[in-house]
Amino acid sequence: MNKENAHLYLPLVQALAEGKTIQHGSESIWGEVKDPNFINPPQYYRVKPEPVMVPLGPQDVPPGSVIRHVGSEYWSLVINANREIVKLHDRRIEYEFLYPTYEIKRPGEDWMPCHKPA
């Protein structure tokens, strides 16, 4: 990095200051860099992409699962799950609505968000 190309590294340095992970590589092969020194051209660095998340589906809600609002102490047992909704004892909720505000506890697991990697 030098004064002529420092502006090209600025987004990377800003991301590093925000605690994001910097990767080094090219095309489809990227690896994490613990302490980037930016000695290579900027196109060989990138901010590690955030995983794309999608709502759960019926295959993600096994029998015996319970669902609650994030952080709530009250939960509801899942009665049924089909392609469109999860049926609880007192209501039906679409998977897209579960995504941002609910979490699930599957048998033998701890509470997890109601979404998964795409």
Protein backbone atom coordinates (compact mmCIF):
# COMPACT_ATOMS: atom_id res chain seq x y z
CA MET A 1 0.00 0.00 0.00
CA ASN A 2 1.23 3.47 -0.83
CA LYS A 3 -0.25 6.97 -1.07
CA GLU A 4 -1.37 6.43 -4.67
CA ASN A 5 -3.46 3.33 -3.94
CA ALA A 6 -4.31 3.75 -0.22
CA HIS A 7 -7.91 4.73 -1.10
CA LEU A 8 -8.41 1.25 -2.59
CA TYR A 9 -7.62 -0.33 0.80
CA LEU A 10 -9.85 2.02 2.78
CA PRO A 11 -12.98 -0.23 2.78
CA LEU A 12 -10.81 -3.13 3.97
CA VAL A 13 -9.21 -1.10 6.74
CA GLN A 14 -12.63 0.21 7.82
CA ALA A 15 -14.03 -3.33 7.94
CA LEU A 16 -11.01 -4.47 9.97
CA ALA A 17 -11.58 -1.60 12.42
CA GLU A 18 -15.22 -2.75 12.78
CA GLY A 19 -14.05 -6.24 13.76
CA LYS A 20 -14.89 -7.93 10.48
CA THR A 21 -12.72 -10.72 9.10
CA ILE A 22 -10.40 -10.00 6.18
CA GLN A 23 -9.63 -12.74 3.67
CA HIS A 24 -6.76 -13.12 1.23
CA GLY A 25 -6.91 -15.05 -2.03
CA SER A 26 -8.38 -14.88 -5.51
CA GLU A 27 -11.40 -16.08 -7.46
CA SER A 28 -12.88 -19.01 -5.48
CA ILE A 29 -10.05 -19.70 -3.01
CA TRP A 30 -10.07 -17.42 0.03
CA GLY A 31 -8.58 -17.80 3.50
CA GLU A 32 -8.79 -15.74 6.66
CA VAL A 33 -5.96 -13.35 7.50
CA LYS A 34 -5.35 -12.81 11.24
CA ASP A 35 -3.26 -9.62 10.94
CA PRO A 36 -3.43 -8.31 7.36
CA ASN A 37 -0.47 -6.19 6.33
CA PHE A 38 -1.87 -5.27 2.89
CA ILE A 39 1.39 -5.84 1.02
CA ASN A 40 -0.40 -7.40 -1.96
CA PRO A 41 -2.64 -5.51 -4.41
CA PRO A 42 -6.13 -4.75 -3.01
CA GLN A 43 -7.90 -7.19 -5.36
CA TYR A 44 -6.28 -10.02 -3.38
CA TYR A 45 -8.16 -9.01 -0.21
CA ARG A 46 -11.82 -8.95 0.68
CA VAL A 47 -14.14 -8.70 3.66
CA LYS A 48 -15.40 -12.18 4.53
CA PRO A 49 -18.97 -12.38 3.20
CA GLU A 50 -21.78 -12.78 5.71
CA PRO A 51 -23.67 -16.04 5.24
CA VAL A 52 -27.03 -15.68 3.50
CA MET A 53 -29.80 -16.92 5.76
CA VAL A 54 -33.24 -18.26 4.81
CA PRO A 55 -36.31 -19.28 6.83
CA LEU A 56 -36.65 -22.81 8.16
CA GLY A 57 -38.79 -25.38 6.38
CA PRO A 58 -40.79 -28.39 7.60
CA GLN A 59 -37.70 -30.64 7.44
CA ASP A 60 -36.07 -28.37 10.06
CA VAL A 61 -38.84 -28.78 12.64
CA PRO A 62 -38.68 -32.36 13.99
CA PRO A 63 -41.32 -33.81 16.32
CA GLY A 64 -40.84 -32.61 19.89
CA SER A 65 -39.55 -29.14 18.92
CA VAL A 66 -40.61 -26.03 20.82
CA ILE A 67 -40.66 -22.41 19.61
CA ARG A 68 -40.55 -19.07 21.45
CA HIS A 69 -39.98 -15.37 20.81
CA VAL A 70 -36.27 -14.58 21.01
CA GLY A 71 -35.31 -14.17 24.68
CA SER A 72 -38.73 -15.12 26.07
CA GLU A 73 -39.08 -17.62 28.89
CA TYR A 74 -42.41 -18.88 27.50
CA TRP A 75 -42.43 -21.47 24.71
CA SER A 76 -44.98 -23.46 22.70
CA LEU A 77 -44.82 -27.07 21.59
CA VAL A 78 -44.97 -27.59 17.83
CA ILE A 79 -48.11 -29.62 17.06
CA ASN A 80 -47.60 -29.91 13.30
CA ALA A 81 -45.36 -28.54 10.56
CA ASN A 82 -46.20 -28.52 6.86
CA ARG A 83 -44.84 -26.71 3.78
CA GLU A 84 -46.38 -23.34 4.68
CA ILE A 85 -46.77 -23.13 8.46
CA VAL A 86 -45.83 -24.36 11.91
CA LYS A 87 -48.88 -25.10 14.03
CA LEU A 88 -48.55 -24.44 17.74
CA HIS A 89 -51.22 -25.18 20.34
CA ASP A 90 -52.73 -21.69 20.04
CA ARG A 91 -51.75 -20.38 16.60
CA ARG A 92 -50.26 -21.00 13.18
CA ILE A 93 -47.09 -19.20 12.08
CA GLU A 94 -45.59 -18.97 8.58
CA TYR A 95 -41.89 -19.82 8.32
CA GLU A 96 -41.07 -16.36 6.96
CA PHE A 97 -42.60 -14.80 10.09
CA LEU A 98 -40.59 -17.13 12.38
CA TYR A 99 -37.30 -16.07 10.77
CA PRO A 100 -36.63 -12.68 12.37
CA THR A 101 -38.28 -12.95 15.81
CA TYR A 102 -38.47 -16.58 16.95
CA GLU A 103 -36.08 -19.32 18.01
CA ILE A 104 -36.44 -23.10 18.08
CA LYS A 105 -35.33 -25.79 20.51
CA ARG A 106 -35.13 -29.19 18.90
CA PRO A 107 -34.95 -32.36 21.02
CA GLY A 108 -31.44 -32.68 22.49
CA GLU A 109 -30.34 -29.21 21.31
CA ASP A 110 -30.22 -25.69 22.75
CA TRP A 111 -32.22 -22.68 21.48
CA MET A 112 -31.30 -21.68 17.91
CA PRO A 113 -32.57 -18.91 15.58
CA CYS A 114 -35.43 -19.85 13.24
CA HIS A 115 -33.27 -19.55 10.12
CA LYS A 116 -30.51 -21.49 8.38
CA PRO A 117 -27.77 -20.90 5.81
CA ALA A 118 -29.01 -20.83 2.22
